[in-house]
Amino acid sequence: MFDFLKKLLNPTPKVVKLDINRRFQLVSRVGQGSMSKVWRAIDGRTGKTVALKLLDIDKTKRLESRFIGIKTKKPSEGEVALSLKHPHVVQTYEFGITTNSEQYLVMEFVEGVSLSYLVDVQNEVMKRNRLRMVVELGEAIEYFHKQNWIHRDICPRNVILDQEYSIKLIDFGLVVPNIPEFQAPGNRTGTANYMAPELIKRQRTDQRIDVFSYAITCYEMYAKRLPWEAAETLDAVLQHINSPPDDIRKHVPDIDPRVADAIMQGLALDPRDRWQTMTEMVNELREAYLNRKK
């Protein structure tokens, strides 16, 4: 009875839906993820250029349906993104629902290139700056973990570099809290080639799956290839997760030994053999970077 009166006296606030086309001038499409579209847009309220992200309704519902039955509600991408404040994490200003019932996020617009592009071209910018980039990305994930989240989709396409080639971690659509309910076996989401073995095998997961994905990303930044033969499907990935990764020194003979060791430990198939926290791994890479600078 008390709960009924409480709800009656304190009703849930009405959600005010935003008419995107009345507020924003959509300039051009700048990206499309598996669950969203991103526009370069001019915000009519401020006159600033922003990135406007619109989440696909059906795909978002399918993702959220995976967490039905869990006592703790999975936070939305907007809720996660708005809580993050770090120089190497893209800043989110606002989130809500459009008049078309889509979830939207208003974010800083980063003029730059995807890390996946630099991995592919392996130009002088990449070779000259990659250890710094590796450290910056690690610091972004370390911060993310300290907020008690699991990203679940660390890979080059979810990283942008601005015009100074400084890292910005993006895309928080698969993020879950780092608590037992969301660590339970069964929820296999992410990008196949970057999934940790325990995730693929539907075992219990924790933040060490991000350590594994980060190590693969670092490996690619140096070697322009994955530690195993690339696979297009989860079934194909299953074929190689029981095999040790190629030692990065085989493909990059002149790599700093300390960097090589750090990356290879991050790729351990058994999470107990990996770096247990991002802080441990980043500290090792940061030391290598600072020693190189001296």
C-alpha atoms as a PDB file:
ATOM      1  CA  MET A   1       0.000   0.000   0.000  1.00  0.00           C
ATOM      2  CA  PHE A   2       2.824   2.377   0.906  1.00  0.00           C
ATOM      3  CA  ASP A   3       4.583   1.683  -2.426  1.00  0.00           C
ATOM      4  CA  PHE A   4       1.346   2.386  -4.288  1.00  0.00           C
ATOM      5  CA  LEU A   5       0.915   5.753  -2.532  1.00  0.00           C
ATOM      6  CA  LYS A   6       4.569   6.595  -3.111  1.00  0.00           C
ATOM      7  CA  LYS A   7       4.191   6.037  -6.866  1.00  0.00           C
ATOM      8  CA  LEU A   8       0.937   7.985  -6.907  1.00  0.00           C
ATOM      9  CA  LEU A   9       2.452  10.972  -5.115  1.00  0.00           C
ATOM     10  CA  ASN A  10       5.759  10.794  -7.013  1.00  0.00           C
ATOM     11  CA  PRO A  11       4.880   9.726 -10.553  1.00  0.00           C
ATOM     12  CA  THR A  12       7.627   8.881 -13.022  1.00  0.00           C
ATOM     13  CA  PRO A  13       8.568  12.057 -14.918  1.00  0.00           C
ATOM     14  CA  LYS A  14       7.243  12.173 -18.448  1.00  0.00           C
ATOM     15  CA  VAL A  15       9.949  11.609 -21.055  1.00  0.00           C
ATOM     16  CA  VAL A  16      10.201  14.597 -23.382  1.00  0.00           C
ATOM     17  CA  LYS A  17      11.068  13.383 -26.858  1.00  0.00           C
ATOM     18  CA  LEU A  18      13.340  15.459 -29.061  1.00  0.00           C
ATOM     19  CA  ASP A  19      12.573  16.379 -32.664  1.00  0.00           C
ATOM     20  CA  ILE A  20      16.041  15.904 -34.166  1.00  0.00           C
ATOM     21  CA  ASN A  21      15.273  17.737 -37.405  1.00  0.00           C
ATOM     22  CA  ARG A  22      14.004  20.858 -35.631  1.00  0.00           C
ATOM     23  CA  ARG A  23      17.069  21.177 -33.409  1.00  0.00           C
ATOM     24  CA  PHE A  24      19.935  19.868 -35.544  1.00  0.00           C
ATOM     25  CA  GLN A  25      21.169  20.493 -39.050  1.00  0.00           C
ATOM     26  CA  LEU A  26      22.422  17.125 -40.266  1.00  0.00           C
ATOM     27  CA  VAL A  27      25.510  17.888 -42.348  1.00  0.00           C
ATOM     28  CA  SER A  28      26.809  14.431 -43.320  1.00  0.00           C
ATOM     29  CA  ARG A  29      27.023  10.838 -42.196  1.00  0.00           C
ATOM     30  CA  VAL A  30      30.370  10.167 -40.553  1.00  0.00           C
ATOM     31  CA  GLY A  31      29.986   6.621 -39.394  1.00  0.00           C
ATOM     32  CA  GLN A  32      27.779   3.606 -38.986  1.00  0.00           C
ATOM     33  CA  GLY A  33      28.234   0.949 -36.360  1.00  0.00           C
ATOM     34  CA  SER A  34      26.493  -2.388 -36.071  1.00  0.00           C
ATOM     35  CA  MET A  35      23.748  -0.761 -33.994  1.00  0.00           C
ATOM     36  CA  SER A  36      23.794   2.926 -34.892  1.00  0.00           C
ATOM     37  CA  LYS A  37      24.302   5.780 -37.344  1.00  0.00           C
ATOM     38  CA  VAL A  38      26.432   8.822 -36.570  1.00  0.00           C
ATOM     39  CA  TRP A  39      25.948  12.249 -38.139  1.00  0.00           C
ATOM     40  CA  ARG A  40      28.064  15.369 -38.225  1.00  0.00           C
ATOM     41  CA  ALA A  41      25.503  17.938 -37.166  1.00  0.00           C
ATOM     42  CA  ILE A  42      25.162  21.574 -36.145  1.00  0.00           C
ATOM     43  CA  ASP A  43      23.328  22.034 -32.853  1.00  0.00           C
ATOM     44  CA  GLY A  44      20.756  24.799 -33.281  1.00  0.00           C
ATOM     45  CA  ARG A  45      20.898  25.642 -29.575  1.00  0.00           C
ATOM     46  CA  THR A  46      24.629  26.304 -29.414  1.00  0.00           C
ATOM     47  CA  GLY A  47      25.755  26.641 -33.022  1.00  0.00           C
ATOM     48  CA  LYS A  48      28.460  24.040 -32.351  1.00  0.00           C
ATOM     49  CA  THR A  49      29.353  21.132 -34.596  1.00  0.00           C
ATOM     50  CA  VAL A  50      28.643  17.861 -32.781  1.00  0.00           C
ATOM     51  CA  ALA A  51      28.446  14.148 -33.463  1.00  0.00           C
ATOM     52  CA  LEU A  52      24.832  12.997 -33.278  1.00  0.00           C
ATOM     53  CA  LYS A  53      24.440   9.268 -32.729  1.00  0.00           C
ATOM     54  CA  LEU A  54      21.119   7.531 -33.386  1.00  0.00           C
ATOM     55  CA  LEU A  55      20.671   3.962 -32.132  1.00  0.00           C
ATOM     56  CA  ASP A  56      18.784   1.430 -34.240  1.00  0.00           C
ATOM     57  CA  ILE A  57      15.544   0.625 -32.397  1.00  0.00           C
ATOM     58  CA  ASP A  58      15.262  -3.076 -33.263  1.00  0.00           C
ATOM     59  CA  LYS A  59      18.937  -3.881 -32.729  1.00  0.00           C
ATOM     60  CA  THR A  60      18.956  -2.045 -29.395  1.00  0.00           C
ATOM     61  CA  LYS A  61      15.894  -4.003 -28.259  1.00  0.00           C
ATOM     62  CA  ARG A  62      17.552  -7.291 -29.245  1.00  0.00           C
ATOM     63  CA  LEU A  63      20.638  -6.397 -27.209  1.00  0.00           C
ATOM     64  CA  GLU A  64      18.582  -5.347 -24.194  1.00  0.00           C
ATOM     65  CA  SER A  65      16.563  -8.583 -24.381  1.00  0.00           C
ATOM     66  CA  ARG A  66      19.728 -10.511 -23.510  1.00  0.00           C
ATOM     67  CA  PHE A  67      19.591  -9.019 -20.031  1.00  0.00           C
ATOM     68  CA  ILE A  68      15.952  -9.732 -19.237  1.00  0.00           C
ATOM     69  CA  GLY A  69      15.730 -11.451 -15.881  1.00  0.00           C
ATOM     70  CA  ILE A  70      18.789  -9.729 -14.422  1.00  0.00           C
ATOM     71  CA  LYS A  71      17.823  -7.898 -11.259  1.00  0.00           C
ATOM     72  CA  THR A  72      20.037  -4.889 -11.956  1.00  0.00           C
ATOM     73  CA  LYS A  73      18.916  -2.961 -15.040  1.00  0.00           C
ATOM     74  CA  LYS A  74      21.554  -2.645 -17.742  1.00  0.00           C
ATOM     75  CA  PRO A  75      22.352   1.059 -18.140  1.00  0.00           C
ATOM     76  CA  SER A  76      21.780   2.564 -21.564  1.00  0.00           C
ATOM     77  CA  GLU A  77      24.666   3.654 -23.749  1.00  0.00           C
ATOM     78  CA  GLY A  78      23.728   7.257 -23.060  1.00  0.00           C
ATOM     79  CA  GLU A  79      23.805   6.777 -19.291  1.00  0.00           C
ATOM     80  CA  VAL A  80      27.244   5.179 -19.477  1.00  0.00           C
ATOM     81  CA  ALA A  81      28.678   7.713 -21.919  1.00  0.00           C
ATOM     82  CA  LEU A  82      27.446  10.768 -19.999  1.00  0.00           C
ATOM     83  CA  SER A  83      29.190   9.547 -16.835  1.00  0.00           C
ATOM     84  CA  LEU A  84      32.640   9.425 -18.478  1.00  0.00           C
ATOM     85  CA  LYS A  85      35.090  12.327 -18.227  1.00  0.00           C
ATOM     86  CA  HIS A  86      38.599  11.574 -19.496  1.00  0.00           C
ATOM     87  CA  PRO A  87      40.849  13.211 -22.121  1.00  0.00           C
ATOM     88  CA  HIS A  88      41.074   9.962 -24.096  1.00  0.00           C
ATOM     89  CA  VAL A  89      37.359   9.115 -23.985  1.00  0.00           C
ATOM     90  CA  VAL A  90      34.973  10.893 -26.349  1.00  0.00           C
ATOM     91  CA  GLN A  91      32.842  13.375 -24.411  1.00  0.00           C
ATOM     92  CA  THR A  92      29.069  13.010 -24.391  1.00  0.00           C
ATOM     93  CA  TYR A  93      26.983  16.099 -23.685  1.00  0.00           C
ATOM     94  CA  GLU A  94      23.448  14.751 -23.680  1.00  0.00           C
ATOM     95  CA  PHE A  95      21.284  11.724 -24.403  1.00  0.00           C
ATOM     96  CA  GLY A  96      17.579  11.034 -24.714  1.00  0.00           C
ATOM     97  CA  ILE A  97      14.790   9.773 -26.966  1.00  0.00           C
ATOM     98  CA  THR A  98      13.749  11.201 -30.334  1.00  0.00           C
ATOM     99  CA  THR A  99      10.197  11.717 -31.551  1.00  0.00           C
ATOM    100  CA  ASN A 100      10.804   8.545 -33.614  1.00  0.00           C
ATOM    101  CA  SER A 101      11.519   6.655 -30.360  1.00  0.00           C
ATOM    102  CA  GLU A 102      15.225   6.249 -31.161  1.00  0.00           C
ATOM    103  CA  GLN A 103      17.827   6.680 -28.433  1.00  0.00           C
ATOM    104  CA  TYR A 104      20.202   9.532 -29.298  1.00  0.00           C
ATOM    105  CA  LEU A 105      23.517  10.820 -27.972  1.00  0.00           C
ATOM    106  CA  VAL A 106      25.036  14.244 -28.563  1.00  0.00           C
ATOM    107  CA  MET A 107      28.840  13.993 -28.435  1.00  0.00           C
ATOM    108  CA  GLU A 108      31.918  16.025 -29.196  1.00  0.00           C
ATOM    109  CA  PHE A 109      32.788  15.913 -32.886  1.00  0.00           C
ATOM    110  CA  VAL A 110      36.293  14.549 -33.349  1.00  0.00           C
ATOM    111  CA  GLU A 111      37.913  15.608 -36.621  1.00  0.00           C
ATOM    112  CA  GLY A 112      40.357  12.832 -37.388  1.00  0.00           C
ATOM    113  CA  VAL A 113      40.780   9.235 -38.494  1.00  0.00           C
ATOM    114  CA  SER A 114      39.912   5.800 -37.189  1.00  0.00           C
ATOM    115  CA  LEU A 115      42.671   3.757 -35.587  1.00  0.00           C
ATOM    116  CA  SER A 116      41.711   0.936 -37.964  1.00  0.00           C
ATOM    117  CA  TYR A 117      42.811   3.163 -40.867  1.00  0.00           C
ATOM    118  CA  LEU A 118      46.248   3.759 -39.329  1.00  0.00           C
ATOM    119  CA  VAL A 119      46.598   0.044 -38.593  1.00  0.00           C
ATOM    120  CA  ASP A 120      46.008  -0.656 -42.291  1.00  0.00           C
ATOM    121  CA  VAL A 121      48.318   2.002 -43.748  1.00  0.00           C
ATOM    122  CA  GLN A 122      51.127   1.701 -41.159  1.00  0.00           C
ATOM    123  CA  ASN A 123      52.469   5.097 -42.263  1.00  0.00           C
ATOM    124  CA  GLU A 124      55.163   7.172 -40.586  1.00  0.00           C
ATOM    125  CA  VAL A 125      52.637   8.824 -38.267  1.00  0.00           C
ATOM    126  CA  MET A 126      51.658   5.412 -36.988  1.00  0.00           C
ATOM    127  CA  LYS A 127      55.207   4.104 -36.613  1.00  0.00           C
ATOM    128  CA  ARG A 128      56.439   7.272 -34.905  1.00  0.00           C
ATOM    129  CA  ASN A 129      53.535   7.583 -32.455  1.00  0.00           C
ATOM    130  CA  ARG A 130      52.168   4.104 -31.875  1.00  0.00           C
ATOM    131  CA  LEU A 131      53.683   3.495 -28.443  1.00  0.00           C
ATOM    132  CA  ARG A 132      52.238   6.780 -27.210  1.00  0.00           C
ATOM    133  CA  MET A 133      48.893   5.803 -28.758  1.00  0.00           C
ATOM    134  CA  VAL A 134      49.084   2.393 -27.089  1.00  0.00           C
ATOM    135  CA  VAL A 135      49.616   4.081 -23.704  1.00  0.00           C
ATOM    136  CA  GLU A 136      46.807   6.599 -24.258  1.00  0.00           C
ATOM    137  CA  LEU A 137      44.344   3.862 -25.211  1.00  0.00           C
ATOM    138  CA  GLY A 138      45.424   1.832 -22.191  1.00  0.00           C
ATOM    139  CA  GLU A 139      44.884   4.835 -19.919  1.00  0.00           C
ATOM    140  CA  ALA A 140      41.389   5.318 -21.351  1.00  0.00           C
ATOM    141  CA  ILE A 141      40.481   1.687 -20.641  1.00  0.00           C
ATOM    142  CA  GLU A 142      42.136   1.863 -17.217  1.00  0.00           C
ATOM    143  CA  TYR A 143      39.952   4.873 -16.362  1.00  0.00           C
ATOM    144  CA  PHE A 144      36.905   3.057 -17.734  1.00  0.00           C
ATOM    145  CA  HIS A 145      37.618   0.039 -15.532  1.00  0.00           C
ATOM    146  CA  LYS A 146      38.071   2.222 -12.463  1.00  0.00           C
ATOM    147  CA  GLN A 147      34.487   3.447 -13.031  1.00  0.00           C
ATOM    148  CA  ASN A 148      33.577  -0.266 -12.696  1.00  0.00           C
ATOM    149  CA  TRP A 149      32.540  -0.961 -16.288  1.00  0.00           C
ATOM    150  CA  ILE A 150      33.436  -3.676 -18.794  1.00  0.00           C
ATOM    151  CA  HIS A 151      33.637  -2.280 -22.342  1.00  0.00           C
ATOM    152  CA  ARG A 152      33.265  -5.620 -24.190  1.00  0.00           C
ATOM    153  CA  ASP A 153      34.190  -4.225 -27.622  1.00  0.00           C
ATOM    154  CA  ILE A 154      37.746  -2.846 -27.580  1.00  0.00           C
ATOM    155  CA  CYS A 155      39.047  -2.875 -31.162  1.00  0.00           C
ATOM    156  CA  PRO A 156      40.598  -0.391 -33.636  1.00  0.00           C
ATOM    157  CA  ARG A 157      37.278   0.648 -35.188  1.00  0.00           C
ATOM    158  CA  ASN A 158      36.123   1.896 -31.773  1.00  0.00           C
ATOM    159  CA  VAL A 159      39.048   4.286 -31.464  1.00  0.00           C
ATOM    160  CA  ILE A 160      39.399   7.662 -33.193  1.00  0.00           C
ATOM    161  CA  LEU A 161      42.503   9.854 -33.380  1.00  0.00           C
ATOM    162  CA  ASP A 162      42.075  13.607 -33.499  1.00  0.00           C
ATOM    163  CA  GLN A 163      44.154  15.989 -35.624  1.00  0.00           C
ATOM    164  CA  GLU A 164      47.025  15.786 -33.118  1.00  0.00           C
ATOM    165  CA  TYR A 165      46.778  11.974 -33.327  1.00  0.00           C
ATOM    166  CA  SER A 166      45.580  11.738 -29.748  1.00  0.00           C
ATOM    167  CA  ILE A 167      43.388   8.761 -28.823  1.00  0.00           C
ATOM    168  CA  LYS A 168      39.635   8.933 -28.213  1.00  0.00           C
ATOM    169  CA  LEU A 169      37.828   5.757 -27.123  1.00  0.00           C
ATOM    170  CA  ILE A 170      34.271   5.618 -28.484  1.00  0.00           C
ATOM    171  CA  ASP A 171      31.182   3.395 -28.616  1.00  0.00           C
ATOM    172  CA  PHE A 172      29.729   2.159 -25.340  1.00  0.00           C
ATOM    173  CA  GLY A 173      26.797   0.165 -26.707  1.00  0.00           C
ATOM    174  CA  LEU A 174      27.908  -3.193 -25.270  1.00  0.00           C
ATOM    175  CA  VAL A 175      29.110  -1.869 -21.913  1.00  0.00           C
ATOM    176  CA  VAL A 176      27.955  -3.622 -18.734  1.00  0.00           C
ATOM    177  CA  PRO A 177      28.661  -3.017 -15.051  1.00  0.00           C
ATOM    178  CA  ASN A 178      31.549  -5.029 -13.633  1.00  0.00           C
ATOM    179  CA  ILE A 179      29.368  -6.861 -11.114  1.00  0.00           C
ATOM    180  CA  PRO A 180      28.556 -10.591 -10.723  1.00  0.00           C
ATOM    181  CA  GLU A 181      25.153 -10.414 -12.435  1.00  0.00           C
ATOM    182  CA  PHE A 182      26.749  -9.189 -15.674  1.00  0.00           C
ATOM    183  CA  GLN A 183      29.794 -11.453 -15.414  1.00  0.00           C
ATOM    184  CA  ALA A 184      27.669 -14.598 -15.578  1.00  0.00           C
ATOM    185  CA  PRO A 185      28.334 -17.058 -18.445  1.00  0.00           C
ATOM    186  CA  GLY A 186      26.285 -16.922 -21.615  1.00  0.00           C
ATOM    187  CA  ASN A 187      26.265 -13.365 -22.975  1.00  0.00           C
ATOM    188  CA  ARG A 188      28.571 -13.552 -25.997  1.00  0.00           C
ATOM    189  CA  THR A 189      28.751 -10.047 -27.481  1.00  0.00           C
ATOM    190  CA  GLY A 190      31.594  -8.163 -29.130  1.00  0.00           C
ATOM    191  CA  THR A 191      33.711  -8.297 -32.290  1.00  0.00           C
ATOM    192  CA  ALA A 192      34.666 -11.909 -33.048  1.00  0.00           C
ATOM    193  CA  ASN A 193      38.398 -11.493 -33.718  1.00  0.00           C
ATOM    194  CA  TYR A 194      38.891  -9.538 -30.475  1.00  0.00           C
ATOM    195  CA  MET A 195      36.901 -11.778 -28.121  1.00  0.00           C
ATOM    196  CA  ALA A 196      38.685 -13.434 -25.231  1.00  0.00           C
ATOM    197  CA  PRO A 197      38.505 -17.249 -25.107  1.00  0.00           C
ATOM    198  CA  GLU A 198      36.379 -17.264 -21.948  1.00  0.00           C
ATOM    199  CA  LEU A 199      33.831 -15.014 -23.676  1.00  0.00           C
ATOM    200  CA  ILE A 200      33.682 -17.211 -26.776  1.00  0.00           C
ATOM    201  CA  LYS A 201      33.319 -20.337 -24.626  1.00  0.00           C
ATOM    202  CA  ARG A 202      30.467 -18.687 -22.699  1.00  0.00           C
ATOM    203  CA  GLN A 203      32.338 -18.853 -19.405  1.00  0.00           C
ATOM    204  CA  ARG A 204      32.289 -16.255 -16.627  1.00  0.00           C
ATOM    205  CA  THR A 205      33.848 -12.969 -17.734  1.00  0.00           C
ATOM    206  CA  ASP A 206      35.245  -9.858 -16.093  1.00  0.00           C
ATOM    207  CA  GLN A 207      37.412  -6.863 -17.040  1.00  0.00           C
ATOM    208  CA  ARG A 208      40.177  -9.201 -18.217  1.00  0.00           C
ATOM    209  CA  ILE A 209      38.280  -9.671 -21.495  1.00  0.00           C
ATOM    210  CA  ASP A 210      39.056  -6.000 -22.210  1.00  0.00           C
ATOM    211  CA  VAL A 211      42.724  -6.627 -21.369  1.00  0.00           C
ATOM    212  CA  PHE A 212      42.742  -9.372 -24.016  1.00  0.00           C
ATOM    213  CA  SER A 213      41.015  -7.191 -26.656  1.00  0.00           C
ATOM    214  CA  TYR A 214      43.386  -4.324 -25.880  1.00  0.00           C
ATOM    215  CA  ALA A 215      46.402  -6.627 -26.299  1.00  0.00           C
ATOM    216  CA  ILE A 216      45.115  -7.732 -29.724  1.00  0.00           C
ATOM    217  CA  THR A 217      44.638  -4.084 -30.706  1.00  0.00           C
ATOM    218  CA  CYS A 218      48.202  -3.259 -29.594  1.00  0.00           C
ATOM    219  CA  TYR A 219      49.491  -6.271 -31.545  1.00  0.00           C
ATOM    220  CA  GLU A 220      47.779  -5.006 -34.709  1.00  0.00           C
ATOM    221  CA  MET A 221      49.174  -1.510 -34.221  1.00  0.00           C
ATOM    222  CA  TYR A 222      52.661  -2.992 -34.485  1.00  0.00           C
ATOM    223  CA  ALA A 223      52.242  -6.016 -36.741  1.00  0.00           C
ATOM    224  CA  LYS A 224      49.393  -4.955 -39.083  1.00  0.00           C
ATOM    225  CA  ARG A 225      47.847  -8.354 -38.463  1.00  0.00           C
ATOM    226  CA  LEU A 226      46.096 -10.348 -35.772  1.00  0.00           C
ATOM    227  CA  PRO A 227      47.934 -12.789 -33.478  1.00  0.00           C
ATOM    228  CA  TRP A 228      46.022 -15.594 -35.231  1.00  0.00           C
ATOM    229  CA  GLU A 229      44.690 -15.925 -38.753  1.00  0.00           C
ATOM    230  CA  ALA A 230      41.701 -13.618 -39.116  1.00  0.00           C
ATOM    231  CA  ALA A 231      38.331 -15.337 -38.842  1.00  0.00           C
ATOM    232  CA  GLU A 232      35.014 -14.112 -40.184  1.00  0.00           C
ATOM    233  CA  THR A 233      32.727 -16.038 -37.821  1.00  0.00           C
ATOM    234  CA  LEU A 234      32.625 -17.143 -34.202  1.00  0.00           C
ATOM    235  CA  ASP A 235      32.834 -20.759 -35.351  1.00  0.00           C
ATOM    236  CA  ALA A 236      36.086 -19.950 -37.147  1.00  0.00           C
ATOM    237  CA  VAL A 237      37.402 -18.097 -34.098  1.00  0.00           C
ATOM    238  CA  LEU A 238      36.656 -21.179 -31.994  1.00  0.00           C
ATOM    239  CA  GLN A 239      39.117 -23.113 -34.138  1.00  0.00           C
ATOM    240  CA  HIS A 240      42.104 -21.035 -33.073  1.00  0.00           C
ATOM    241  CA  ILE A 241      41.455 -19.872 -29.509  1.00  0.00           C
ATOM    242  CA  ASN A 242      43.050 -23.038 -28.142  1.00  0.00           C
ATOM    243  CA  SER A 243      46.278 -22.340 -30.049  1.00  0.00           C
ATOM    244  CA  PRO A 244      48.920 -19.957 -28.721  1.00  0.00           C
ATOM    245  CA  PRO A 245      49.193 -16.608 -30.557  1.00  0.00           C
ATOM    246  CA  ASP A 246      52.119 -15.915 -32.872  1.00  0.00           C
ATOM    247  CA  ASP A 247      54.877 -14.212 -30.930  1.00  0.00           C
ATOM    248  CA  ILE A 248      54.838 -10.573 -32.054  1.00  0.00           C
ATOM    249  CA  ARG A 249      58.633 -10.643 -32.465  1.00  0.00           C
ATOM    250  CA  LYS A 250      58.132 -13.001 -35.414  1.00  0.00           C
ATOM    251  CA  HIS A 251      56.407 -10.196 -37.342  1.00  0.00           C
ATOM    252  CA  VAL A 252      58.115  -7.148 -35.751  1.00  0.00           C
ATOM    253  CA  PRO A 253      61.726  -8.179 -35.006  1.00  0.00           C
ATOM    254  CA  ASP A 254      62.800  -4.699 -33.870  1.00  0.00           C
ATOM    255  CA  ILE A 255      59.986  -4.201 -31.324  1.00  0.00           C
ATOM    256  CA  ASP A 256      61.011  -3.056 -27.848  1.00  0.00           C
ATOM    257  CA  PRO A 257      61.289  -6.311 -25.814  1.00  0.00           C
ATOM    258  CA  ARG A 258      59.384  -4.781 -22.909  1.00  0.00           C
ATOM    259  CA  VAL A 259      56.488  -3.820 -25.194  1.00  0.00           C
ATOM    260  CA  ALA A 260      56.517  -7.282 -26.789  1.00  0.00           C
ATOM    261  CA  ASP A 261      56.404  -8.995 -23.395  1.00  0.00           C
ATOM    262  CA  ALA A 262      53.559  -6.779 -22.194  1.00  0.00           C
ATOM    263  CA  ILE A 263      51.464  -7.469 -25.282  1.00  0.00           C
ATOM    264  CA  MET A 264      52.092 -11.218 -25.235  1.00  0.00           C
ATOM    265  CA  GLN A 265      51.115 -11.502 -21.568  1.00  0.00           C
ATOM    266  CA  GLY A 266      47.902  -9.654 -22.375  1.00  0.00           C
ATOM    267  CA  LEU A 267      47.151 -12.331 -24.990  1.00  0.00           C
ATOM    268  CA  ALA A 268      47.307 -15.264 -22.561  1.00  0.00           C
ATOM    269  CA  LEU A 269      44.460 -17.651 -23.354  1.00  0.00           C
ATOM    270  CA  ASP A 270      43.838 -18.367 -19.677  1.00  0.00           C
ATOM    271  CA  PRO A 271      42.716 -15.146 -17.940  1.00  0.00           C
ATOM    272  CA  ARG A 272      44.674 -16.186 -14.833  1.00  0.00           C
ATOM    273  CA  ASP A 273      47.897 -15.883 -16.867  1.00  0.00           C
ATOM    274  CA  ARG A 274      47.043 -12.448 -18.265  1.00  0.00           C
ATOM    275  CA  TRP A 275      47.681  -9.074 -16.694  1.00  0.00           C
ATOM    276  CA  GLN A 276      45.035  -9.073 -13.973  1.00  0.00           C
ATOM    277  CA  THR A 277      44.263  -5.371 -14.362  1.00  0.00           C
ATOM    278  CA  MET A 278      44.667  -2.716 -17.028  1.00  0.00           C
ATOM    279  CA  THR A 279      46.734  -0.718 -14.553  1.00  0.00           C
ATOM    280  CA  GLU A 280      49.404  -3.440 -14.444  1.00  0.00           C
ATOM    281  CA  MET A 281      49.654  -3.622 -18.226  1.00  0.00           C
ATOM    282  CA  VAL A 282      49.568   0.140 -18.785  1.00  0.00           C
ATOM    283  CA  ASN A 283      52.254   0.713 -16.165  1.00  0.00           C
ATOM    284  CA  GLU A 284      54.576  -1.633 -18.045  1.00  0.00           C
ATOM    285  CA  LEU A 285      53.901   0.045 -21.402  1.00  0.00           C
ATOM    286  CA  ARG A 286      54.183   3.528 -19.914  1.00  0.00           C
ATOM    287  CA  GLU A 287      57.600   2.671 -18.497  1.00  0.00           C
ATOM    288  CA  ALA A 288      58.714   1.478 -21.928  1.00  0.00           C
ATOM    289  CA  TYR A 289      57.446   4.729 -23.455  1.00  0.00           C
ATOM    290  CA  LEU A 290      59.137   6.953 -20.879  1.00  0.00           C
ATOM    291  CA  ASN A 291      62.436   5.102 -21.189  1.00  0.00           C
ATOM    292  CA  ARG A 292      62.275   5.477 -24.953  1.00  0.00           C
ATOM    293  CA  LYS A 293      61.781   9.220 -24.604  1.00  0.00           C
ATOM    294  CA  LYS A 294      64.858   9.726 -22.394  1.00  0.00           C
END
